[in-house]
Amino acid sequence: MNIEEINYTILSGEADEFLDGIVKAVKIRKDALKPQIWEFQIGDKVKIINANPKYLNGSTATITKVNRTKVVIDLDTPAGKFSRNITTPLGMLEKI
């Protein structure tokens, strides 16, 4: 089954009785794809994604500390008021 068939099945109502299960399965799969804290180490280079303020998106940084659920980064190039010792959630980072 390809994506068009899956979309058609859902949008046409053929899968209405399974929608709750589909939503739950998608959430579980998306959570499994999120980066995990053990994937990051001090010295790793990362790119900022999904940031607010938006001007930080695309900036690169180096991890300086790994906490239990977040990491601390130093930007390679200061941006606005941000430069060093920025604590950030993993969902905002992509390893490079």
PDB file of N, CA and C in Angstrom:
ATOM      1  N   MET A   1       0.857  -1.177   0.000  1.00  0.00           N
ATOM      2  CA  MET A   1       0.000   0.000   0.000  1.00  0.00           C
ATOM      3  C   MET A   1       0.899   1.235   0.000  1.00  0.00           C
ATOM      4  N   ASN A   2       0.630   2.191  -0.866  1.00  0.00           N
ATOM      5  CA  ASN A   2       1.425   3.414  -0.901  1.00  0.00           C
ATOM      6  C   ASN A   2       0.696   4.547  -0.182  1.00  0.00           C
ATOM      7  N   ILE A   3       1.358   5.697  -0.071  1.00  0.00           N
ATOM      8  CA  ILE A   3       0.806   6.812   0.691  1.00  0.00           C
ATOM      9  C   ILE A   3      -0.514   7.318   0.122  1.00  0.00           C
ATOM     10  N   GLU A   4      -0.657   7.301  -1.197  1.00  0.00           N
ATOM     11  CA  GLU A   4      -1.915   7.755  -1.798  1.00  0.00           C
ATOM     12  C   GLU A   4      -3.068   6.839  -1.387  1.00  0.00           C
ATOM     13  N   GLU A   5      -2.816   5.537  -1.366  1.00  0.00           N
ATOM     14  CA  GLU A   5      -3.862   4.585  -0.958  1.00  0.00           C
ATOM     15  C   GLU A   5      -4.206   4.748   0.517  1.00  0.00           C
ATOM     16  N   ILE A   6      -3.184   4.968   1.339  1.00  0.00           N
ATOM     17  CA  ILE A   6      -3.429   5.177   2.770  1.00  0.00           C
ATOM     18  C   ILE A   6      -4.254   6.446   2.969  1.00  0.00           C
ATOM     19  N   ASN A   7      -3.846   7.528   2.327  1.00  0.00           N
ATOM     20  CA  ASN A   7      -4.585   8.796   2.445  1.00  0.00           C
ATOM     21  C   ASN A   7      -6.027   8.639   1.964  1.00  0.00           C
ATOM     22  N   TYR A   8      -6.214   7.981   0.832  1.00  0.00           N
ATOM     23  CA  TYR A   8      -7.565   7.790   0.304  1.00  0.00           C
ATOM     24  C   TYR A   8      -8.422   6.996   1.286  1.00  0.00           C
ATOM     25  N   THR A   9      -7.853   5.933   1.836  1.00  0.00           N
ATOM     26  CA  THR A   9      -8.597   5.096   2.784  1.00  0.00           C
ATOM     27  C   THR A   9      -9.043   5.899   3.992  1.00  0.00           C
ATOM     28  N   ILE A  10      -8.162   6.762   4.497  1.00  0.00           N
ATOM     29  CA  ILE A  10      -8.507   7.580   5.666  1.00  0.00           C
ATOM     30  C   ILE A  10      -9.499   8.675   5.285  1.00  0.00           C
ATOM     31  N   LEU A  11      -9.200   9.420   4.226  1.00  0.00           N
ATOM     32  CA  LEU A  11     -10.040  10.567   3.851  1.00  0.00           C
ATOM     33  C   LEU A  11     -11.412  10.170   3.332  1.00  0.00           C
ATOM     34  N   SER A  12     -11.531   8.983   2.759  1.00  0.00           N
ATOM     35  CA  SER A  12     -12.829   8.545   2.234  1.00  0.00           C
ATOM     36  C   SER A  12     -13.749   8.014   3.322  1.00  0.00           C
ATOM     37  N   GLY A  13     -13.192   7.797   4.520  1.00  0.00           N
ATOM     38  CA  GLY A  13     -14.005   7.289   5.614  1.00  0.00           C
ATOM     39  C   GLY A  13     -13.960   5.782   5.769  1.00  0.00           C
ATOM     40  N   GLU A  14     -13.238   5.103   4.896  1.00  0.00           N
ATOM     41  CA  GLU A  14     -13.160   3.645   4.976  1.00  0.00           C
ATOM     42  C   GLU A  14     -12.476   3.168   6.255  1.00  0.00           C
ATOM     43  N   ALA A  15     -11.672   4.029   6.881  1.00  0.00           N
ATOM     44  CA  ALA A  15     -10.931   3.628   8.074  1.00  0.00           C
ATOM     45  C   ALA A  15     -11.463   4.294   9.342  1.00  0.00           C
ATOM     46  N   ASP A  16     -12.682   4.830   9.281  1.00  0.00           N
ATOM     47  CA  ASP A  16     -13.218   5.570  10.422  1.00  0.00           C
ATOM     48  C   ASP A  16     -13.191   4.787  11.734  1.00  0.00           C
ATOM     49  N   GLU A  17     -13.465   3.515  11.685  1.00  0.00           N
ATOM     50  CA  GLU A  17     -13.489   2.734  12.930  1.00  0.00           C
ATOM     51  C   GLU A  17     -12.087   2.515  13.497  1.00  0.00           C
ATOM     52  N   PHE A  18     -11.050   2.814  12.710  1.00  0.00           N
ATOM     53  CA  PHE A  18      -9.664   2.602  13.152  1.00  0.00           C
ATOM     54  C   PHE A  18      -8.920   3.903  13.436  1.00  0.00           C
ATOM     55  N   LEU A  19      -9.587   5.053  13.327  1.00  0.00           N
ATOM     56  CA  LEU A  19      -8.901   6.336  13.427  1.00  0.00           C
ATOM     57  C   LEU A  19      -8.160   6.519  14.750  1.00  0.00           C
ATOM     58  N   ASP A  20      -8.768   6.159  15.875  1.00  0.00           N
ATOM     59  CA  ASP A  20      -8.096   6.314  17.162  1.00  0.00           C
ATOM     60  C   ASP A  20      -6.813   5.480  17.204  1.00  0.00           C
ATOM     61  N   GLY A  21      -6.872   4.272  16.695  1.00  0.00           N
ATOM     62  CA  GLY A  21      -5.694   3.411  16.661  1.00  0.00           C
ATOM     63  C   GLY A  21      -4.617   3.951  15.730  1.00  0.00           C
ATOM     64  N   ILE A  22      -5.046   4.519  14.596  1.00  0.00           N
ATOM     65  CA  ILE A  22      -4.090   5.105  13.660  1.00  0.00           C
ATOM     66  C   ILE A  22      -3.385   6.291  14.303  1.00  0.00           C
ATOM     67  N   VAL A  23      -4.140   7.161  14.958  1.00  0.00           N
ATOM     68  CA  VAL A  23      -3.561   8.327  15.630  1.00  0.00           C
ATOM     69  C   VAL A  23      -2.575   7.878  16.706  1.00  0.00           C
ATOM     70  N   LYS A  24      -2.942   6.880  17.486  1.00  0.00           N
ATOM     71  CA  LYS A  24      -2.068   6.379  18.551  1.00  0.00           C
ATOM     72  C   LYS A  24      -0.781   5.795  17.960  1.00  0.00           C
ATOM     73  N   ALA A  25      -0.912   5.020  16.888  1.00  0.00           N
ATOM     74  CA  ALA A  25       0.257   4.415  16.248  1.00  0.00           C
ATOM     75  C   ALA A  25       1.188   5.483  15.680  1.00  0.00           C
ATOM     76  N   VAL A  26       0.626   6.528  15.086  1.00  0.00           N
ATOM     77  CA  VAL A  26       1.439   7.612  14.533  1.00  0.00           C
ATOM     78  C   VAL A  26       2.190   8.318  15.655  1.00  0.00           C
ATOM     79  N   LYS A  27       1.526   8.591  16.783  1.00  0.00           N
ATOM     80  CA  LYS A  27       2.190   9.251  17.915  1.00  0.00           C
ATOM     81  C   LYS A  27       3.329   8.396  18.444  1.00  0.00           C
ATOM     82  N   ILE A  28       3.109   7.107  18.608  1.00  0.00           N
ATOM     83  CA  ILE A  28       4.154   6.211  19.099  1.00  0.00           C
ATOM     84  C   ILE A  28       5.345   6.213  18.144  1.00  0.00           C
ATOM     85  N   ARG A  29       5.056   6.158  16.845  1.00  0.00           N
ATOM     86  CA  ARG A  29       6.139   6.125  15.856  1.00  0.00           C
ATOM     87  C   ARG A  29       6.910   7.442  15.843  1.00  0.00           C
ATOM     88  N   LYS A  30       6.196   8.586  15.928  1.00  0.00           N
ATOM     89  CA  LYS A  30       6.865   9.881  15.949  1.00  0.00           C
ATOM     90  C   LYS A  30       7.748  10.019  17.187  1.00  0.00           C
ATOM     91  N   ASP A  31       7.270   9.528  18.332  1.00  0.00           N
ATOM     92  CA  ASP A  31       8.076   9.565  19.550  1.00  0.00           C
ATOM     93  C   ASP A  31       9.334   8.715  19.396  1.00  0.00           C
ATOM     94  N   ALA A  32       9.217   7.579  18.713  1.00  0.00           N
ATOM     95  CA  ALA A  32      10.368   6.696  18.513  1.00  0.00           C
ATOM     96  C   ALA A  32      11.418   7.343  17.612  1.00  0.00           C
ATOM     97  N   LEU A  33      11.002   8.242  16.749  1.00  0.00           N
ATOM     98  CA  LEU A  33      11.930   8.895  15.826  1.00  0.00           C
ATOM     99  C   LEU A  33      12.619  10.121  16.425  1.00  0.00           C
ATOM    100  N   LYS A  34      12.132  10.602  17.568  1.00  0.00           N
ATOM    101  CA  LYS A  34      12.736  11.762  18.205  1.00  0.00           C
ATOM    102  C   LYS A  34      14.156  11.421  18.652  1.00  0.00           C
ATOM    103  N   PRO A  35      15.049  12.422  18.629  1.00  0.00           N
ATOM    104  CA  PRO A  35      16.409  12.157  19.113  1.00  0.00           C
ATOM    105  C   PRO A  35      16.390  11.801  20.599  1.00  0.00           C
ATOM    106  N   GLN A  36      17.308  10.952  20.992  1.00  0.00           N
ATOM    107  CA  GLN A  36      17.414  10.516  22.390  1.00  0.00           C
ATOM    108  C   GLN A  36      18.666  11.127  23.002  1.00  0.00           C
ATOM    109  N   ILE A  37      18.636  11.378  24.292  1.00  0.00           N
ATOM    110  CA  ILE A  37      19.728  12.067  24.971  1.00  0.00           C
ATOM    111  C   ILE A  37      21.051  11.317  24.819  1.00  0.00           C
ATOM    112  N   TRP A  38      21.017  10.000  24.799  1.00  0.00           N
ATOM    113  CA  TRP A  38      22.262   9.229  24.697  1.00  0.00           C
ATOM    114  C   TRP A  38      22.915   9.328  23.316  1.00  0.00           C
ATOM    115  N   GLU A  39      22.231   9.930  22.358  1.00  0.00           N
ATOM    116  CA  GLU A  39      22.803  10.123  21.026  1.00  0.00           C
ATOM    117  C   GLU A  39      23.714  11.346  20.968  1.00  0.00           C
ATOM    118  N   PHE A  40      23.739  12.162  22.026  1.00  0.00           N
ATOM    119  CA  PHE A  40      24.505  13.403  22.036  1.00  0.00           C
ATOM    120  C   PHE A  40      25.649  13.318  23.035  1.00  0.00           C
ATOM    121  N   GLN A  41      26.796  13.895  22.641  1.00  0.00           N
ATOM    122  CA  GLN A  41      27.969  13.936  23.507  1.00  0.00           C
ATOM    123  C   GLN A  41      28.579  15.329  23.463  1.00  0.00           C
ATOM    124  N   ILE A  42      29.337  15.652  24.485  1.00  0.00           N
ATOM    125  CA  ILE A  42      30.052  16.923  24.507  1.00  0.00           C
ATOM    126  C   ILE A  42      30.962  16.979  23.289  1.00  0.00           C
ATOM    127  N   GLY A  43      30.933  18.106  22.604  1.00  0.00           N
ATOM    128  CA  GLY A  43      31.757  18.299  21.418  1.00  0.00           C
ATOM    129  C   GLY A  43      31.028  18.048  20.110  1.00  0.00           C
ATOM    130  N   ASP A  44      29.852  17.417  20.165  1.00  0.00           N
ATOM    131  CA  ASP A  44      29.077  17.171  18.944  1.00  0.00           C
ATOM    132  C   ASP A  44      28.653  18.494  18.319  1.00  0.00           C
ATOM    133  N   LYS A  45      28.677  18.545  16.986  1.00  0.00           N
ATOM    134  CA  LYS A  45      28.186  19.706  16.250  1.00  0.00           C
ATOM    135  C   LYS A  45      26.705  19.471  15.932  1.00  0.00           C
ATOM    136  N   VAL A  46      25.904  20.508  16.121  1.00  0.00           N
ATOM    137  CA  VAL A  46      24.468  20.416  15.873  1.00  0.00           C
ATOM    138  C   VAL A  46      23.995  21.635  15.090  1.00  0.00           C
ATOM    139  N   LYS A  47      22.851  21.468  14.431  1.00  0.00           N
ATOM    140  CA  LYS A  47      22.180  22.570  13.749  1.00  0.00           C
ATOM    141  C   LYS A  47      20.862  22.804  14.474  1.00  0.00           C
ATOM    142  N   ILE A  48      20.514  24.059  14.667  1.00  0.00           N
ATOM    143  CA  ILE A  48      19.273  24.406  15.357  1.00  0.00           C
ATOM    144  C   ILE A  48      18.122  24.382  14.354  1.00  0.00           C
ATOM    145  N   ILE A  49      17.047  23.691  14.737  1.00  0.00           N
ATOM    146  CA  ILE A  49      15.817  23.618  13.947  1.00  0.00           C
ATOM    147  C   ILE A  49      14.644  23.907  14.882  1.00  0.00           C
ATOM    148  N   ASN A  50      13.521  24.270  14.345  1.00  0.00           N
ATOM    149  CA  ASN A  50      12.292  24.484  15.137  1.00  0.00           C
ATOM    150  C   ASN A  50      12.482  25.458  16.295  1.00  0.00           C
ATOM    151  N   ALA A  51      13.326  26.459  16.126  1.00  0.00           N
ATOM    152  CA  ALA A  51      13.599  27.399  17.217  1.00  0.00           C
ATOM    153  C   ALA A  51      12.625  28.564  17.205  1.00  0.00           C
ATOM    154  N   ASN A  52      12.477  29.148  18.353  1.00  0.00           N
ATOM    155  CA  ASN A  52      11.769  30.399  18.491  1.00  0.00           C
ATOM    156  C   ASN A  52      12.626  31.255  19.405  1.00  0.00           C
ATOM    157  N   PRO A  53      13.284  32.264  18.964  1.00  0.00           N
ATOM    158  CA  PRO A  53      13.057  33.033  17.750  1.00  0.00           C
ATOM    159  C   PRO A  53      13.562  32.323  16.492  1.00  0.00           C
ATOM    160  N   LYS A  54      12.838  32.547  15.420  1.00  0.00           N
ATOM    161  CA  LYS A  54      13.087  31.868  14.148  1.00  0.00           C
ATOM    162  C   LYS A  54      14.470  32.143  13.572  1.00  0.00           C
ATOM    163  N   TYR A  55      15.051  33.299  13.871  1.00  0.00           N
ATOM    164  CA  TYR A  55      16.351  33.621  13.276  1.00  0.00           C
ATOM    165  C   TYR A  55      17.460  32.675  13.735  1.00  0.00           C
ATOM    166  N   LEU A  56      17.206  31.892  14.772  1.00  0.00           N
ATOM    167  CA  LEU A  56      18.197  30.904  15.219  1.00  0.00           C
ATOM    168  C   LEU A  56      18.198  29.652  14.343  1.00  0.00           C
ATOM    169  N   ASN A  57      17.096  29.407  13.627  1.00  0.00           N
ATOM    170  CA  ASN A  57      17.026  28.218  12.775  1.00  0.00           C
ATOM    171  C   ASN A  57      18.155  28.240  11.751  1.00  0.00           C
ATOM    172  N   GLY A  58      18.840  27.111  11.653  1.00  0.00           N
ATOM    173  CA  GLY A  58      19.954  26.986  10.723  1.00  0.00           C
ATOM    174  C   GLY A  58      21.298  27.303  11.350  1.00  0.00           C
ATOM    175  N   SER A  59      21.293  27.927  12.518  1.00  0.00           N
ATOM    176  CA  SER A  59      22.557  28.209  13.203  1.00  0.00           C
ATOM    177  C   SER A  59      23.208  26.909  13.632  1.00  0.00           C
ATOM    178  N   THR A  60      24.531  26.911  13.651  1.00  0.00           N
ATOM    179  CA  THR A  60      25.259  25.726  14.119  1.00  0.00           C
ATOM    180  C   THR A  60      25.823  26.009  15.501  1.00  0.00           C
ATOM    181  N   ALA A  61      26.045  24.922  16.238  1.00  0.00           N
ATOM    182  CA  ALA A  61      26.523  25.058  17.608  1.00  0.00           C
ATOM    183  C   ALA A  61      27.297  23.814  18.013  1.00  0.00           C
ATOM    184  N   THR A  62      27.947  23.913  19.169  1.00  0.00           N
ATOM    185  CA  THR A  62      28.686  22.793  19.742  1.00  0.00           C
ATOM    186  C   THR A  62      28.090  22.482  21.104  1.00  0.00           C
ATOM    187  N   ILE A  63      27.890  21.198  21.387  1.00  0.00           N
ATOM    188  CA  ILE A  63      27.359  20.788  22.688  1.00  0.00           C
ATOM    189  C   ILE A  63      28.466  20.898  23.734  1.00  0.00           C
ATOM    190  N   THR A  64      28.160  21.580  24.837  1.00  0.00           N
ATOM    191  CA  THR A  64      29.142  21.754  25.902  1.00  0.00           C
ATOM    192  C   THR A  64      28.787  20.980  27.165  1.00  0.00           C
ATOM    193  N   LYS A  65      27.525  20.551  27.267  1.00  0.00           N
ATOM    194  CA  LYS A  65      27.092  19.788  28.441  1.00  0.00           C
ATOM    195  C   LYS A  65      25.868  18.972  28.069  1.00  0.00           C
ATOM    196  N   VAL A  66      25.789  17.764  28.592  1.00  0.00           N
ATOM    197  CA  VAL A  66      24.625  16.904  28.372  1.00  0.00           C
ATOM    198  C   VAL A  66      23.955  16.679  29.718  1.00  0.00           C
ATOM    199  N   ASN A  67      22.708  17.137  29.850  1.00  0.00           N
ATOM    200  CA  ASN A  67      21.926  16.931  31.071  1.00  0.00           C
ATOM    201  C   ASN A  67      21.041  15.700  30.904  1.00  0.00           C
ATOM    202  N   ARG A  68      20.080  15.509  31.793  1.00  0.00           N
ATOM    203  CA  ARG A  68      19.199  14.337  31.710  1.00  0.00           C
ATOM    204  C   ARG A  68      18.276  14.371  30.506  1.00  0.00           C
ATOM    205  N   THR A  69      17.713  15.535  30.197  1.00  0.00           N
ATOM    206  CA  THR A  69      16.752  15.614  29.093  1.00  0.00           C
ATOM    207  C   THR A  69      17.061  16.735  28.114  1.00  0.00           C
ATOM    208  N   LYS A  70      18.031  17.574  28.412  1.00  0.00           N
ATOM    209  CA  LYS A  70      18.387  18.707  27.555  1.00  0.00           C
ATOM    210  C   LYS A  70      19.898  18.788  27.433  1.00  0.00           C
ATOM    211  N   VAL A  71      20.358  19.588  26.474  1.00  0.00           N
ATOM    212  CA  VAL A  71      21.786  19.821  26.326  1.00  0.00           C
ATOM    213  C   VAL A  71      22.064  21.319  26.380  1.00  0.00           C
ATOM    214  N   VAL A  72      23.309  21.641  26.685  1.00  0.00           N
ATOM    215  CA  VAL A  72      23.759  23.032  26.696  1.00  0.00           C
ATOM    216  C   VAL A  72      24.658  23.210  25.479  1.00  0.00           C
ATOM    217  N   ILE A  73      24.415  24.304  24.736  1.00  0.00           N
ATOM    218  CA  ILE A  73      25.182  24.537  23.512  1.00  0.00           C
ATOM    219  C   ILE A  73      25.803  25.928  23.515  1.00  0.00           C
ATOM    220  N   ASP A  74      26.873  26.062  22.730  1.00  0.00           N
ATOM    221  CA  ASP A  74      27.460  27.358  22.408  1.00  0.00           C
ATOM    222  C   ASP A  74      27.317  27.532  20.906  1.00  0.00           C
ATOM    223  N   LEU A  75      26.736  28.653  20.496  1.00  0.00           N
ATOM    224  CA  LEU A  75      26.588  28.929  19.066  1.00  0.00           C
ATOM    225  C   LEU A  75      27.958  29.165  18.445  1.00  0.00           C
ATOM    226  N   ASP A  76      28.160  28.687  17.226  1.00  0.00           N
ATOM    227  CA  ASP A  76      29.402  28.936  16.504  1.00  0.00           C
ATOM    228  C   ASP A  76      29.517  30.410  16.138  1.00  0.00           C
ATOM    229  N   THR A  77      28.387  31.032  15.791  1.00  0.00           N
ATOM    230  CA  THR A  77      28.332  32.459  15.480  1.00  0.00           C
ATOM    231  C   THR A  77      27.218  33.067  16.320  1.00  0.00           C
ATOM    232  N   PRO A  78      27.547  34.000  17.234  1.00  0.00           N
ATOM    233  CA  PRO A  78      26.498  34.602  18.060  1.00  0.00           C
ATOM    234  C   PRO A  78      25.364  35.167  17.214  1.00  0.00           C
ATOM    235  N   ALA A  79      24.134  35.026  17.732  1.00  0.00           N
ATOM    236  CA  ALA A  79      22.950  35.510  17.026  1.00  0.00           C
ATOM    237  C   ALA A  79      22.069  36.269  18.011  1.00  0.00           C
ATOM    238  N   GLY A  80      21.919  37.550  17.775  1.00  0.00           N
ATOM    239  CA  GLY A  80      21.103  38.364  18.677  1.00  0.00           C
ATOM    240  C   GLY A  80      21.679  38.333  20.078  1.00  0.00           C
ATOM    241  N   LYS A  81      20.850  38.059  21.047  1.00  0.00           N
ATOM    242  CA  LYS A  81      21.317  38.010  22.445  1.00  0.00           C
ATOM    243  C   LYS A  81      21.851  36.627  22.826  1.00  0.00           C
ATOM    244  N   PHE A  82      21.848  35.690  21.878  1.00  0.00           N
ATOM    245  CA  PHE A  82      22.272  34.329  22.175  1.00  0.00           C
ATOM    246  C   PHE A  82      23.695  34.076  21.697  1.00  0.00           C
ATOM    247  N   SER A  83      24.477  33.409  22.536  1.00  0.00           N
ATOM    248  CA  SER A  83      25.816  33.022  22.099  1.00  0.00           C
ATOM    249  C   SER A  83      26.306  31.778  22.829  1.00  0.00           C
ATOM    250  N   ARG A  84      26.305  31.805  24.159  1.00  0.00           N
ATOM    251  CA  ARG A  84      26.886  30.701  24.931  1.00  0.00           C
ATOM    252  C   ARG A  84      25.943  30.218  26.019  1.00  0.00           C
ATOM    253  N   ASN A  85      26.197  28.984  26.446  1.00  0.00           N
ATOM    254  CA  ASN A  85      25.467  28.376  27.573  1.00  0.00           C
ATOM    255  C   ASN A  85      23.958  28.415  27.383  1.00  0.00           C
ATOM    256  N   ILE A  86      23.503  27.966  26.222  1.00  0.00           N
ATOM    257  CA  ILE A  86      22.079  27.933  25.910  1.00  0.00           C
ATOM    258  C   ILE A  86      21.570  26.524  26.188  1.00  0.00           C
ATOM    259  N   THR A  87      20.658  26.388  27.121  1.00  0.00           N
ATOM    260  CA  THR A  87      20.046  25.095  27.409  1.00  0.00           C
ATOM    261  C   THR A  87      18.881  24.902  26.459  1.00  0.00           C
ATOM    262  N   THR A  88      18.881  23.774  25.758  1.00  0.00           N
ATOM    263  CA  THR A  88      17.877  23.571  24.722  1.00  0.00           C
ATOM    264  C   THR A  88      17.360  22.134  24.719  1.00  0.00           C
ATOM    265  N   PRO A  89      16.082  21.952  24.395  1.00  0.00           N
ATOM    266  CA  PRO A  89      15.543  20.597  24.272  1.00  0.00           C
ATOM    267  C   PRO A  89      16.062  19.927  22.998  1.00  0.00           C
ATOM    268  N   LEU A  90      16.084  18.621  22.998  1.00  0.00           N
ATOM    269  CA  LEU A  90      16.616  17.856  21.870  1.00  0.00           C
ATOM    270  C   LEU A  90      15.822  18.066  20.593  1.00  0.00           C
ATOM    271  N   GLY A  91      14.540  18.353  20.707  1.00  0.00           N
ATOM    272  CA  GLY A  91      13.695  18.546  19.537  1.00  0.00           C
ATOM    273  C   GLY A  91      14.078  19.754  18.698  1.00  0.00           C
ATOM    274  N   MET A  92      14.931  20.612  19.240  1.00  0.00           N
ATOM    275  CA  MET A  92      15.389  21.793  18.508  1.00  0.00           C
ATOM    276  C   MET A  92      16.720  21.556  17.821  1.00  0.00           C
ATOM    277  N   LEU A  93      17.270  20.348  17.932  1.00  0.00           N
ATOM    278  CA  LEU A  93      18.610  20.107  17.419  1.00  0.00           C
ATOM    279  C   LEU A  93      18.634  18.949  16.417  1.00  0.00           C
ATOM    280  N   GLU A  94      19.556  19.084  15.482  1.00  0.00           N
ATOM    281  CA  GLU A  94      19.809  18.027  14.512  1.00  0.00           C
ATOM    282  C   GLU A  94      21.324  17.854  14.453  1.00  0.00           C
ATOM    283  N   LYS A  95      21.803  16.625  14.661  1.00  0.00           N
ATOM    284  CA  LYS A  95      23.252  16.387  14.598  1.00  0.00           C
ATOM    285  C   LYS A  95      23.748  16.592  13.179  1.00  0.00           C
ATOM    286  N   ILE A  96      24.951  17.186  13.084  1.00  0.00           N
ATOM    287  CA  ILE A  96      25.577  17.366  11.769  1.00  0.00           C
ATOM    288  C   ILE A  96      26.954  16.726  11.758  1.00  0.00           C
TER     289      ILE A  96
END
